[in-house]
Amino acid sequence: MRIFVTGATGFIGSKIVEELVGAGHEVVGLARSDSSAASLTAVRATAHRGSLEDLESLRSVASSTDGVIHAAFDHDNFVTNFAACCETDRRAIDALGTALAGSNKPLVVTFGTTGIKPGFLLTEDDKASSSLTAGPRAASETLALSLASKDVRVSVVRPAPIVYGDGERYGLVTTLIEIARSKGFSAYVGDGSNHWPAVHRLDAAKLYRLAFEQASAGAIFHAVANEGVPMREISEAIGRRLNLPVKSISPEEALNHFGSLGQLIAADIPASNALTQERLGWQPAHFELIQNIARE
């Protein structure tokens, strides 16, 4: 099948492209630069130059393919202008859905497990709501799921808040390492028993492929390897890596220590993958987050 992938050169998206090509699919990847286009060509994919803001371009290429995996998000600006990044995402999903309406073609959209049901085990049957801490990005998932009524075979993949690869750190873990280095110690809040799910990017990429190939309209899947890793264990792994002491800090101290992450870092956000495994036969193969963090 000919598949359009947004975010095709990103940390997860690049592996989604490789997973799809390896399974025999033809991939058209969204590329914002010449270097991104070259990296797609190098893995036998076709580059489509454009951006999430170019809605007509998104509609045009989506309508010419057998379906879409939307893995892009403006991670460069989400800390300083999260609401605007969410609105860009929502508009892109609307454009892609418009292009696929009435076709029953698959559209796989990315959301996330963070903030939907803090303090409780999140399942694939729980829907995001803008009234919860998922905030303005919840509109993207709500819009995506509504496309099922327009004969789009839409599904949602929710990656864990910690995505990693062999010998690599990314996203939250990279930020925590940088904070620990600058502060001179690795911290967790309270007793550090709050859980954060994680997933290896190769496992996540396989789940995206399975969702595209098999998902029924309106399905939600969790790209999480397990229900969650205690934040204290993550902090201790960072401490071992940097040869720094590990300390507990209070919730009041967290805002100063972690900056923009201060209100979130103490949250308990476990997520289940039981229904994902049952519905798609997906099974994560990597569980080495702690070893990965501590690795030099």
C-alpha atoms as a PDB file:
ATOM      1  CA  MET A   1       0.000   0.000   0.000  1.00  0.00           C
ATOM      2  CA  ARG A   2       1.052   3.609  -0.582  1.00  0.00           C
ATOM      3  CA  ILE A   3       1.122   5.370   2.789  1.00  0.00           C
ATOM      4  CA  PHE A   4       1.596   9.056   3.604  1.00  0.00           C
ATOM      5  CA  VAL A   5       3.515   9.594   6.868  1.00  0.00           C
ATOM      6  CA  THR A   6       3.800  12.947   8.624  1.00  0.00           C
ATOM      7  CA  GLY A   7       6.647  13.307  11.096  1.00  0.00           C
ATOM      8  CA  ALA A   8       8.464  10.860   8.869  1.00  0.00           C
ATOM      9  CA  THR A   9      11.959  11.927   9.924  1.00  0.00           C
ATOM     10  CA  GLY A  10      11.201  12.304  13.641  1.00  0.00           C
ATOM     11  CA  PHE A  11      12.404  10.106  16.479  1.00  0.00           C
ATOM     12  CA  ILE A  12       9.451   7.700  16.171  1.00  0.00           C
ATOM     13  CA  GLY A  13       8.418   8.587  12.629  1.00  0.00           C
ATOM     14  CA  SER A  14      11.748   7.603  11.093  1.00  0.00           C
ATOM     15  CA  LYS A  15      11.319   4.119  12.532  1.00  0.00           C
ATOM     16  CA  ILE A  16       7.697   3.972  11.380  1.00  0.00           C
ATOM     17  CA  VAL A  17       8.927   4.603   7.840  1.00  0.00           C
ATOM     18  CA  GLU A  18      11.543   1.854   8.112  1.00  0.00           C
ATOM     19  CA  GLU A  19       8.946  -0.537   9.583  1.00  0.00           C
ATOM     20  CA  LEU A  20       6.512   0.153   6.729  1.00  0.00           C
ATOM     21  CA  VAL A  21       9.137  -0.153   3.997  1.00  0.00           C
ATOM     22  CA  GLY A  22      10.376  -3.379   5.551  1.00  0.00           C
ATOM     23  CA  ALA A  23       6.825  -4.757   5.408  1.00  0.00           C
ATOM     24  CA  GLY A  24       6.595  -4.010   1.689  1.00  0.00           C
ATOM     25  CA  HIS A  25       4.660  -0.757   1.751  1.00  0.00           C
ATOM     26  CA  GLU A  26       5.449   2.294  -0.381  1.00  0.00           C
ATOM     27  CA  VAL A  27       5.960   5.353   1.838  1.00  0.00           C
ATOM     28  CA  VAL A  28       5.564   9.038   1.061  1.00  0.00           C
ATOM     29  CA  GLY A  29       7.042  11.044   3.920  1.00  0.00           C
ATOM     30  CA  LEU A  30       6.441  14.696   4.762  1.00  0.00           C
ATOM     31  CA  ALA A  31       9.771  16.573   4.686  1.00  0.00           C
ATOM     32  CA  ARG A  32      10.347  20.158   5.761  1.00  0.00           C
ATOM     33  CA  SER A  33      13.945  20.413   4.527  1.00  0.00           C
ATOM     34  CA  ASP A  34      16.379  19.071   1.954  1.00  0.00           C
ATOM     35  CA  SER A  35      18.161  17.060   4.630  1.00  0.00           C
ATOM     36  CA  SER A  36      14.900  15.450   5.730  1.00  0.00           C
ATOM     37  CA  ALA A  37      14.056  14.623   2.121  1.00  0.00           C
ATOM     38  CA  ALA A  38      17.485  13.042   1.664  1.00  0.00           C
ATOM     39  CA  SER A  39      17.074  10.888   4.767  1.00  0.00           C
ATOM     40  CA  LEU A  40      13.772   9.563   3.412  1.00  0.00           C
ATOM     41  CA  THR A  41      15.277   8.766   0.042  1.00  0.00           C
ATOM     42  CA  ALA A  42      18.083   6.892   1.804  1.00  0.00           C
ATOM     43  CA  VAL A  43      15.565   4.410   3.277  1.00  0.00           C
ATOM     44  CA  ARG A  44      13.695   3.929  -0.036  1.00  0.00           C
ATOM     45  CA  ALA A  45      10.829   6.313   0.758  1.00  0.00           C
ATOM     46  CA  THR A  46       9.562   9.220  -1.330  1.00  0.00           C
ATOM     47  CA  ALA A  47       9.780  12.728   0.098  1.00  0.00           C
ATOM     48  CA  HIS A  48       6.910  15.199  -0.121  1.00  0.00           C
ATOM     49  CA  ARG A  49       8.163  18.701   0.685  1.00  0.00           C
ATOM     50  CA  GLY A  50       5.787  20.619   2.935  1.00  0.00           C
ATOM     51  CA  SER A  51       4.685  21.311   6.493  1.00  0.00           C
ATOM     52  CA  LEU A  52       1.714  20.821   8.806  1.00  0.00           C
ATOM     53  CA  GLU A  53       0.669  24.408   8.137  1.00  0.00           C
ATOM     54  CA  ASP A  54       0.244  23.780   4.389  1.00  0.00           C
ATOM     55  CA  LEU A  55      -3.216  22.240   4.609  1.00  0.00           C
ATOM     56  CA  GLU A  56      -3.927  22.101   0.878  1.00  0.00           C
ATOM     57  CA  SER A  57      -0.679  20.203   0.351  1.00  0.00           C
ATOM     58  CA  LEU A  58      -1.632  17.741   3.091  1.00  0.00           C
ATOM     59  CA  ARG A  59      -5.042  17.157   1.520  1.00  0.00           C
ATOM     60  CA  SER A  60      -3.537  16.689  -1.926  1.00  0.00           C
ATOM     61  CA  VAL A  61      -0.983  14.047  -1.019  1.00  0.00           C
ATOM     62  CA  ALA A  62      -3.334  12.251   1.406  1.00  0.00           C
ATOM     63  CA  SER A  63      -6.009  11.852  -1.263  1.00  0.00           C
ATOM     64  CA  SER A  64      -3.473  10.253  -3.606  1.00  0.00           C
ATOM     65  CA  THR A  65      -2.471   7.512  -1.157  1.00  0.00           C
ATOM     66  CA  ASP A  66      -4.056   4.444   0.427  1.00  0.00           C
ATOM     67  CA  GLY A  67      -4.031   6.015   3.857  1.00  0.00           C
ATOM     68  CA  VAL A  68      -2.143   8.186   6.336  1.00  0.00           C
ATOM     69  CA  ILE A  69      -0.123   7.870   9.531  1.00  0.00           C
ATOM     70  CA  HIS A  70      -0.015  11.240  11.273  1.00  0.00           C
ATOM     71  CA  ALA A  71       2.985  11.162  13.616  1.00  0.00           C
ATOM     72  CA  ALA A  72       4.044  14.815  13.429  1.00  0.00           C
ATOM     73  CA  PHE A  73       3.787  17.438  16.169  1.00  0.00           C
ATOM     74  CA  ASP A  74       5.601  20.737  16.669  1.00  0.00           C
ATOM     75  CA  HIS A  75       7.896  19.671  19.516  1.00  0.00           C
ATOM     76  CA  ASP A  76      10.203  22.629  18.871  1.00  0.00           C
ATOM     77  CA  ASN A  77       7.692  25.170  20.162  1.00  0.00           C
ATOM     78  CA  PHE A  78       5.303  23.241  22.405  1.00  0.00           C
ATOM     79  CA  VAL A  79       6.899  24.427  25.662  1.00  0.00           C
ATOM     80  CA  THR A  80       6.552  28.129  24.797  1.00  0.00           C
ATOM     81  CA  ASN A  81       3.314  27.986  22.787  1.00  0.00           C
ATOM     82  CA  PHE A  82       1.573  24.708  23.485  1.00  0.00           C
ATOM     83  CA  ALA A  83      -1.929  25.894  22.572  1.00  0.00           C
ATOM     84  CA  ALA A  84      -0.815  27.071  19.128  1.00  0.00           C
ATOM     85  CA  CYS A  85       0.971  23.767  18.468  1.00  0.00           C
ATOM     86  CA  CYS A  86      -2.197  21.894  19.437  1.00  0.00           C
ATOM     87  CA  GLU A  87      -4.282  24.005  17.066  1.00  0.00           C
ATOM     88  CA  THR A  88      -1.847  23.323  14.213  1.00  0.00           C
ATOM     89  CA  ASP A  89      -2.187  19.609  14.958  1.00  0.00           C
ATOM     90  CA  ARG A  90      -5.989  19.802  15.024  1.00  0.00           C
ATOM     91  CA  ARG A  91      -6.119  21.624  11.683  1.00  0.00           C
ATOM     92  CA  ALA A  92      -3.782  19.086  10.097  1.00  0.00           C
ATOM     93  CA  ILE A  93      -5.978  16.212  11.264  1.00  0.00           C
ATOM     94  CA  ASP A  94      -9.046  17.991   9.910  1.00  0.00           C
ATOM     95  CA  ALA A  95      -7.341  18.423   6.518  1.00  0.00           C
ATOM     96  CA  LEU A  96      -6.250  14.789   6.376  1.00  0.00           C
ATOM     97  CA  GLY A  97      -9.710  13.621   7.424  1.00  0.00           C
ATOM     98  CA  THR A  98     -11.339  15.774   4.752  1.00  0.00           C
ATOM     99  CA  ALA A  99      -9.109  14.212   2.110  1.00  0.00           C
ATOM    100  CA  LEU A 100      -9.985  10.676   3.208  1.00  0.00           C
ATOM    101  CA  ALA A 101     -13.706  11.190   3.917  1.00  0.00           C
ATOM    102  CA  GLY A 102     -15.931   8.584   2.306  1.00  0.00           C
ATOM    103  CA  SER A 103     -13.050   6.315   1.363  1.00  0.00           C
ATOM    104  CA  ASN A 104     -12.836   3.950   4.357  1.00  0.00           C
ATOM    105  CA  LYS A 105      -9.070   4.406   4.098  1.00  0.00           C
ATOM    106  CA  PRO A 106      -7.030   4.186   7.304  1.00  0.00           C
ATOM    107  CA  LEU A 107      -5.880   7.285   9.178  1.00  0.00           C
ATOM    108  CA  VAL A 108      -3.693   6.666  12.235  1.00  0.00           C
ATOM    109  CA  VAL A 109      -3.412   9.696  14.515  1.00  0.00           C
ATOM    110  CA  THR A 110      -0.986  10.275  17.388  1.00  0.00           C
ATOM    111  CA  PHE A 111      -2.099  11.521  20.787  1.00  0.00           C
ATOM    112  CA  GLY A 112      -0.383  10.313  23.993  1.00  0.00           C
ATOM    113  CA  THR A 113      -1.149   8.785  27.383  1.00  0.00           C
ATOM    114  CA  THR A 114      -0.017  11.738  29.507  1.00  0.00           C
ATOM    115  CA  GLY A 115      -2.579  13.717  31.454  1.00  0.00           C
ATOM    116  CA  ILE A 116      -5.766  11.912  30.456  1.00  0.00           C
ATOM    117  CA  LYS A 117      -6.442  10.136  33.755  1.00  0.00           C
ATOM    118  CA  PRO A 118      -3.745  11.024  36.318  1.00  0.00           C
ATOM    119  CA  GLY A 119      -3.767   8.893  39.433  1.00  0.00           C
ATOM    120  CA  PHE A 120      -5.613   6.034  37.740  1.00  0.00           C
ATOM    121  CA  LEU A 121      -4.689   3.293  35.307  1.00  0.00           C
ATOM    122  CA  LEU A 122      -5.482   4.607  31.830  1.00  0.00           C
ATOM    123  CA  THR A 123      -7.008   2.089  29.431  1.00  0.00           C
ATOM    124  CA  GLU A 124      -7.650   2.211  25.722  1.00  0.00           C
ATOM    125  CA  ASP A 125     -11.365   2.699  26.425  1.00  0.00           C
ATOM    126  CA  ASP A 126     -10.749   6.008  28.225  1.00  0.00           C
ATOM    127  CA  LYS A 127     -11.297   9.044  25.996  1.00  0.00           C
ATOM    128  CA  ALA A 128      -9.378  12.302  26.268  1.00  0.00           C
ATOM    129  CA  SER A 129     -11.228  15.367  27.508  1.00  0.00           C
ATOM    130  CA  SER A 130     -10.208  19.011  27.407  1.00  0.00           C
ATOM    131  CA  SER A 131     -11.585  19.305  30.957  1.00  0.00           C
ATOM    132  CA  LEU A 132      -8.734  17.114  32.170  1.00  0.00           C
ATOM    133  CA  THR A 133      -5.022  17.858  32.206  1.00  0.00           C
ATOM    134  CA  ALA A 134      -4.693  16.636  28.622  1.00  0.00           C
ATOM    135  CA  GLY A 135      -5.682  20.233  27.887  1.00  0.00           C
ATOM    136  CA  PRO A 136      -6.042  21.745  24.404  1.00  0.00           C
ATOM    137  CA  ARG A 137      -4.518  18.776  22.598  1.00  0.00           C
ATOM    138  CA  ALA A 138      -7.541  16.685  23.581  1.00  0.00           C
ATOM    139  CA  ALA A 139      -9.385  18.403  20.737  1.00  0.00           C
ATOM    140  CA  SER A 140      -7.148  16.549  18.274  1.00  0.00           C
ATOM    141  CA  GLU A 141      -8.133  13.117  19.562  1.00  0.00           C
ATOM    142  CA  THR A 142     -11.805  14.081  19.776  1.00  0.00           C
ATOM    143  CA  LEU A 143     -11.762  15.352  16.201  1.00  0.00           C
ATOM    144  CA  ALA A 144      -9.888  12.308  14.956  1.00  0.00           C
ATOM    145  CA  LEU A 145     -12.343   9.851  16.481  1.00  0.00           C
ATOM    146  CA  SER A 146     -15.296  11.792  15.028  1.00  0.00           C
ATOM    147  CA  LEU A 147     -13.961  11.065  11.532  1.00  0.00           C
ATOM    148  CA  ALA A 148     -15.205   7.479  11.861  1.00  0.00           C
ATOM    149  CA  SER A 149     -18.692   8.848  11.163  1.00  0.00           C
ATOM    150  CA  LYS A 150     -17.382  10.184   7.833  1.00  0.00           C
ATOM    151  CA  ASP A 151     -16.278   6.749   6.631  1.00  0.00           C
ATOM    152  CA  VAL A 152     -12.624   7.197   7.580  1.00  0.00           C
ATOM    153  CA  ARG A 153     -11.024   4.139   9.206  1.00  0.00           C
ATOM    154  CA  VAL A 154      -9.444   6.290  11.888  1.00  0.00           C
ATOM    155  CA  SER A 155      -7.523   4.974  14.885  1.00  0.00           C
ATOM    156  CA  VAL A 156      -5.405   6.615  17.583  1.00  0.00           C
ATOM    157  CA  VAL A 157      -2.009   5.500  18.846  1.00  0.00           C
ATOM    158  CA  ARG A 158      -1.026   6.899  22.221  1.00  0.00           C
ATOM    159  CA  PRO A 159       2.740   6.628  22.805  1.00  0.00           C
ATOM    160  CA  ALA A 160       4.114   6.619  26.332  1.00  0.00           C
ATOM    161  CA  PRO A 161       5.538   9.903  27.664  1.00  0.00           C
ATOM    162  CA  ILE A 162       9.007   8.322  27.600  1.00  0.00           C
ATOM    163  CA  VAL A 163      10.111   7.062  24.186  1.00  0.00           C
ATOM    164  CA  TYR A 164      13.651   5.782  23.857  1.00  0.00           C
ATOM    165  CA  GLY A 165      16.014   3.852  21.586  1.00  0.00           C
ATOM    166  CA  ASP A 166      19.118   1.729  22.065  1.00  0.00           C
ATOM    167  CA  GLY A 167      21.919   3.876  23.412  1.00  0.00           C
ATOM    168  CA  GLU A 168      19.774   6.996  23.015  1.00  0.00           C
ATOM    169  CA  ARG A 169      17.798   9.259  25.298  1.00  0.00           C
ATOM    170  CA  TYR A 170      15.033  11.481  24.061  1.00  0.00           C
ATOM    171  CA  GLY A 171      12.323  13.836  25.187  1.00  0.00           C
ATOM    172  CA  LEU A 172      11.614  13.725  28.895  1.00  0.00           C
ATOM    173  CA  VAL A 173      14.677  11.649  29.792  1.00  0.00           C
ATOM    174  CA  THR A 174      17.013  13.965  27.905  1.00  0.00           C
ATOM    175  CA  THR A 175      15.499  16.917  29.760  1.00  0.00           C
ATOM    176  CA  LEU A 176      15.856  15.217  33.148  1.00  0.00           C
ATOM    177  CA  ILE A 177      19.502  14.392  32.419  1.00  0.00           C
ATOM    178  CA  GLU A 178      20.202  18.008  31.494  1.00  0.00           C
ATOM    179  CA  ILE A 179      18.454  19.284  34.638  1.00  0.00           C
ATOM    180  CA  ALA A 180      20.366  16.868  36.876  1.00  0.00           C
ATOM    181  CA  ARG A 181      23.672  17.907  35.305  1.00  0.00           C
ATOM    182  CA  SER A 182      22.923  21.603  35.780  1.00  0.00           C
ATOM    183  CA  LYS A 183      21.650  21.230  39.374  1.00  0.00           C
ATOM    184  CA  GLY A 184      24.352  18.825  40.535  1.00  0.00           C
ATOM    185  CA  PHE A 185      21.958  16.089  41.632  1.00  0.00           C
ATOM    186  CA  SER A 186      19.183  13.903  40.240  1.00  0.00           C
ATOM    187  CA  ALA A 187      15.810  14.521  41.872  1.00  0.00           C
ATOM    188  CA  TYR A 188      12.427  12.903  42.271  1.00  0.00           C
ATOM    189  CA  VAL A 189       9.384  14.282  44.085  1.00  0.00           C
ATOM    190  CA  GLY A 190       8.240  12.840  47.398  1.00  0.00           C
ATOM    191  CA  ASP A 191       8.876   9.111  47.599  1.00  0.00           C
ATOM    192  CA  GLY A 192       9.191   8.842  43.795  1.00  0.00           C
ATOM    193  CA  SER A 193       6.648   6.042  43.566  1.00  0.00           C
ATOM    194  CA  ASN A 194       4.651   7.747  40.811  1.00  0.00           C
ATOM    195  CA  HIS A 195       4.710   5.786  37.547  1.00  0.00           C
ATOM    196  CA  TRP A 196       5.584   6.949  34.025  1.00  0.00           C
ATOM    197  CA  PRO A 197       5.129   4.503  31.122  1.00  0.00           C
ATOM    198  CA  ALA A 198       7.879   4.054  28.548  1.00  0.00           C
ATOM    199  CA  VAL A 199       8.249   2.442  25.131  1.00  0.00           C
ATOM    200  CA  HIS A 200      11.120   1.650  22.790  1.00  0.00           C
ATOM    201  CA  ARG A 201      10.680   3.418  19.472  1.00  0.00           C
ATOM    202  CA  LEU A 202      10.993   0.159  17.515  1.00  0.00           C
ATOM    203  CA  ASP A 203       8.052  -1.301  19.451  1.00  0.00           C
ATOM    204  CA  ALA A 204       6.069   1.889  18.870  1.00  0.00           C
ATOM    205  CA  ALA A 205       6.825   1.808  15.137  1.00  0.00           C
ATOM    206  CA  LYS A 206       5.527  -1.749  14.854  1.00  0.00           C
ATOM    207  CA  LEU A 207       2.316  -0.762  16.619  1.00  0.00           C
ATOM    208  CA  TYR A 208       1.715   2.062  14.136  1.00  0.00           C
ATOM    209  CA  ARG A 209       2.076  -0.393  11.260  1.00  0.00           C
ATOM    210  CA  LEU A 210      -0.324  -2.882  12.826  1.00  0.00           C
ATOM    211  CA  ALA A 211      -2.847  -0.130  13.532  1.00  0.00           C
ATOM    212  CA  PHE A 212      -2.693   1.037   9.912  1.00  0.00           C
ATOM    213  CA  GLU A 213      -3.100  -2.481   8.561  1.00  0.00           C
ATOM    214  CA  GLN A 214      -5.666  -3.897  10.985  1.00  0.00           C
ATOM    215  CA  ALA A 215      -7.441  -1.312  13.152  1.00  0.00           C
ATOM    216  CA  SER A 216     -11.171  -0.842  13.038  1.00  0.00           C
ATOM    217  CA  ALA A 217     -12.611   2.667  12.951  1.00  0.00           C
ATOM    218  CA  GLY A 218     -12.536   4.435  16.310  1.00  0.00           C
ATOM    219  CA  ALA A 219      -9.969   2.163  17.953  1.00  0.00           C
ATOM    220  CA  ILE A 220      -7.400   3.461  20.459  1.00  0.00           C
ATOM    221  CA  PHE A 221      -4.075   1.758  21.146  1.00  0.00           C
ATOM    222  CA  HIS A 222      -1.416   2.294  23.803  1.00  0.00           C
ATOM    223  CA  ALA A 223       2.248   2.200  22.799  1.00  0.00           C
ATOM    224  CA  VAL A 224       3.475   1.443  26.313  1.00  0.00           C
ATOM    225  CA  ALA A 225       5.780  -1.411  27.270  1.00  0.00           C
ATOM    226  CA  ASN A 226       4.368  -1.708  30.782  1.00  0.00           C
ATOM    227  CA  GLU A 227       2.057   0.201  33.086  1.00  0.00           C
ATOM    228  CA  GLY A 228       4.826   2.491  34.267  1.00  0.00           C
ATOM    229  CA  VAL A 229       8.298   2.861  35.723  1.00  0.00           C
ATOM    230  CA  PRO A 230       8.641   4.482  39.180  1.00  0.00           C
ATOM    231  CA  MET A 231      10.114   7.953  38.824  1.00  0.00           C
ATOM    232  CA  ARG A 232      12.558   7.214  41.624  1.00  0.00           C
ATOM    233  CA  GLU A 233      14.109   4.401  39.548  1.00  0.00           C
ATOM    234  CA  ILE A 234      14.463   6.764  36.591  1.00  0.00           C
ATOM    235  CA  SER A 235      16.104   9.389  38.806  1.00  0.00           C
ATOM    236  CA  GLU A 236      18.474   6.803  40.271  1.00  0.00           C
ATOM    237  CA  ALA A 237      19.484   5.641  36.775  1.00  0.00           C
ATOM    238  CA  ILE A 238      20.261   9.226  35.823  1.00  0.00           C
ATOM    239  CA  GLY A 239      22.311   9.599  38.987  1.00  0.00           C
ATOM    240  CA  ARG A 240      24.359   6.500  38.130  1.00  0.00           C
ATOM    241  CA  ARG A 241      24.932   7.737  34.602  1.00  0.00           C
ATOM    242  CA  LEU A 242      26.163  11.161  35.720  1.00  0.00           C
ATOM    243  CA  ASN A 243      27.791   9.960  38.965  1.00  0.00           C
ATOM    244  CA  LEU A 244      25.608  12.404  40.904  1.00  0.00           C
ATOM    245  CA  PRO A 245      23.706  12.075  44.188  1.00  0.00           C
ATOM    246  CA  VAL A 246      19.994  11.319  44.071  1.00  0.00           C
ATOM    247  CA  LYS A 247      17.633  13.313  46.285  1.00  0.00           C
ATOM    248  CA  SER A 248      13.957  13.595  47.087  1.00  0.00           C
ATOM    249  CA  ILE A 249      12.472  17.076  46.837  1.00  0.00           C
ATOM    250  CA  SER A 250       9.085  18.435  47.895  1.00  0.00           C
ATOM    251  CA  PRO A 251       6.270  19.357  45.491  1.00  0.00           C
ATOM    252  CA  GLU A 252       6.951  23.001  46.331  1.00  0.00           C
ATOM    253  CA  GLU A 253      10.605  22.615  45.329  1.00  0.00           C
ATOM    254  CA  ALA A 254       9.704  20.823  42.093  1.00  0.00           C
ATOM    255  CA  LEU A 255       8.653  23.986  40.266  1.00  0.00           C
ATOM    256  CA  ASN A 256      12.020  25.611  40.843  1.00  0.00           C
ATOM    257  CA  HIS A 257      14.017  22.448  40.164  1.00  0.00           C
ATOM    258  CA  PHE A 258      12.215  21.124  37.065  1.00  0.00           C
ATOM    259  CA  GLY A 259      10.954  24.377  35.574  1.00  0.00           C
ATOM    260  CA  SER A 260       8.080  23.832  33.133  1.00  0.00           C
ATOM    261  CA  LEU A 261       7.946  20.135  34.087  1.00  0.00           C
ATOM    262  CA  GLY A 262       7.490  20.951  37.766  1.00  0.00           C
ATOM    263  CA  GLN A 263       3.707  20.505  37.862  1.00  0.00           C
ATOM    264  CA  LEU A 264       3.793  17.271  35.887  1.00  0.00           C
ATOM    265  CA  ILE A 265       6.847  15.416  37.143  1.00  0.00           C
ATOM    266  CA  ALA A 266       5.172  14.184  40.330  1.00  0.00           C
ATOM    267  CA  ALA A 267       2.065  12.932  38.513  1.00  0.00           C
ATOM    268  CA  ASP A 268       1.197   9.250  38.634  1.00  0.00           C
ATOM    269  CA  ILE A 269       0.177   8.387  35.056  1.00  0.00           C
ATOM    270  CA  PRO A 270       0.159   4.590  34.582  1.00  0.00           C
ATOM    271  CA  ALA A 271      -1.306   3.195  31.359  1.00  0.00           C
ATOM    272  CA  SER A 272      -2.364  -0.292  30.303  1.00  0.00           C
ATOM    273  CA  ASN A 273      -1.607  -2.001  26.984  1.00  0.00           C
ATOM    274  CA  ALA A 274      -3.847  -5.033  27.599  1.00  0.00           C
ATOM    275  CA  LEU A 275      -6.491  -4.149  25.011  1.00  0.00           C
ATOM    276  CA  THR A 276      -3.831  -3.167  22.474  1.00  0.00           C
ATOM    277  CA  GLN A 277      -2.221  -6.584  22.778  1.00  0.00           C
ATOM    278  CA  GLU A 278      -5.599  -8.306  22.581  1.00  0.00           C
ATOM    279  CA  ARG A 279      -6.871  -6.350  19.568  1.00  0.00           C
ATOM    280  CA  LEU A 280      -3.711  -6.252  17.433  1.00  0.00           C
ATOM    281  CA  GLY A 281      -1.526  -9.046  18.782  1.00  0.00           C
ATOM    282  CA  TRP A 282       1.155  -6.438  19.494  1.00  0.00           C
ATOM    283  CA  GLN A 283       3.709  -7.343  22.123  1.00  0.00           C
ATOM    284  CA  PRO A 284       6.557  -5.027  23.145  1.00  0.00           C
ATOM    285  CA  ALA A 285       9.971  -6.660  22.916  1.00  0.00           C
ATOM    286  CA  HIS A 286      12.062  -4.049  24.749  1.00  0.00           C
ATOM    287  CA  PHE A 287      12.057  -3.338  28.479  1.00  0.00           C
ATOM    288  CA  GLU A 288      15.515  -1.822  28.969  1.00  0.00           C
ATOM    289  CA  LEU A 289      14.674   1.787  29.882  1.00  0.00           C
ATOM    290  CA  ILE A 290      16.634   1.861  33.154  1.00  0.00           C
ATOM    291  CA  GLN A 291      19.690   0.176  31.633  1.00  0.00           C
ATOM    292  CA  ASN A 292      19.415   2.476  28.623  1.00  0.00           C
ATOM    293  CA  ILE A 293      19.433   5.621  30.757  1.00  0.00           C
ATOM    294  CA  ALA A 294      22.406   4.531  32.826  1.00  0.00           C
ATOM    295  CA  ARG A 295      24.438   3.481  29.806  1.00  0.00           C
ATOM    296  CA  GLU A 296      27.422   5.660  28.946  1.00  0.00           C
END
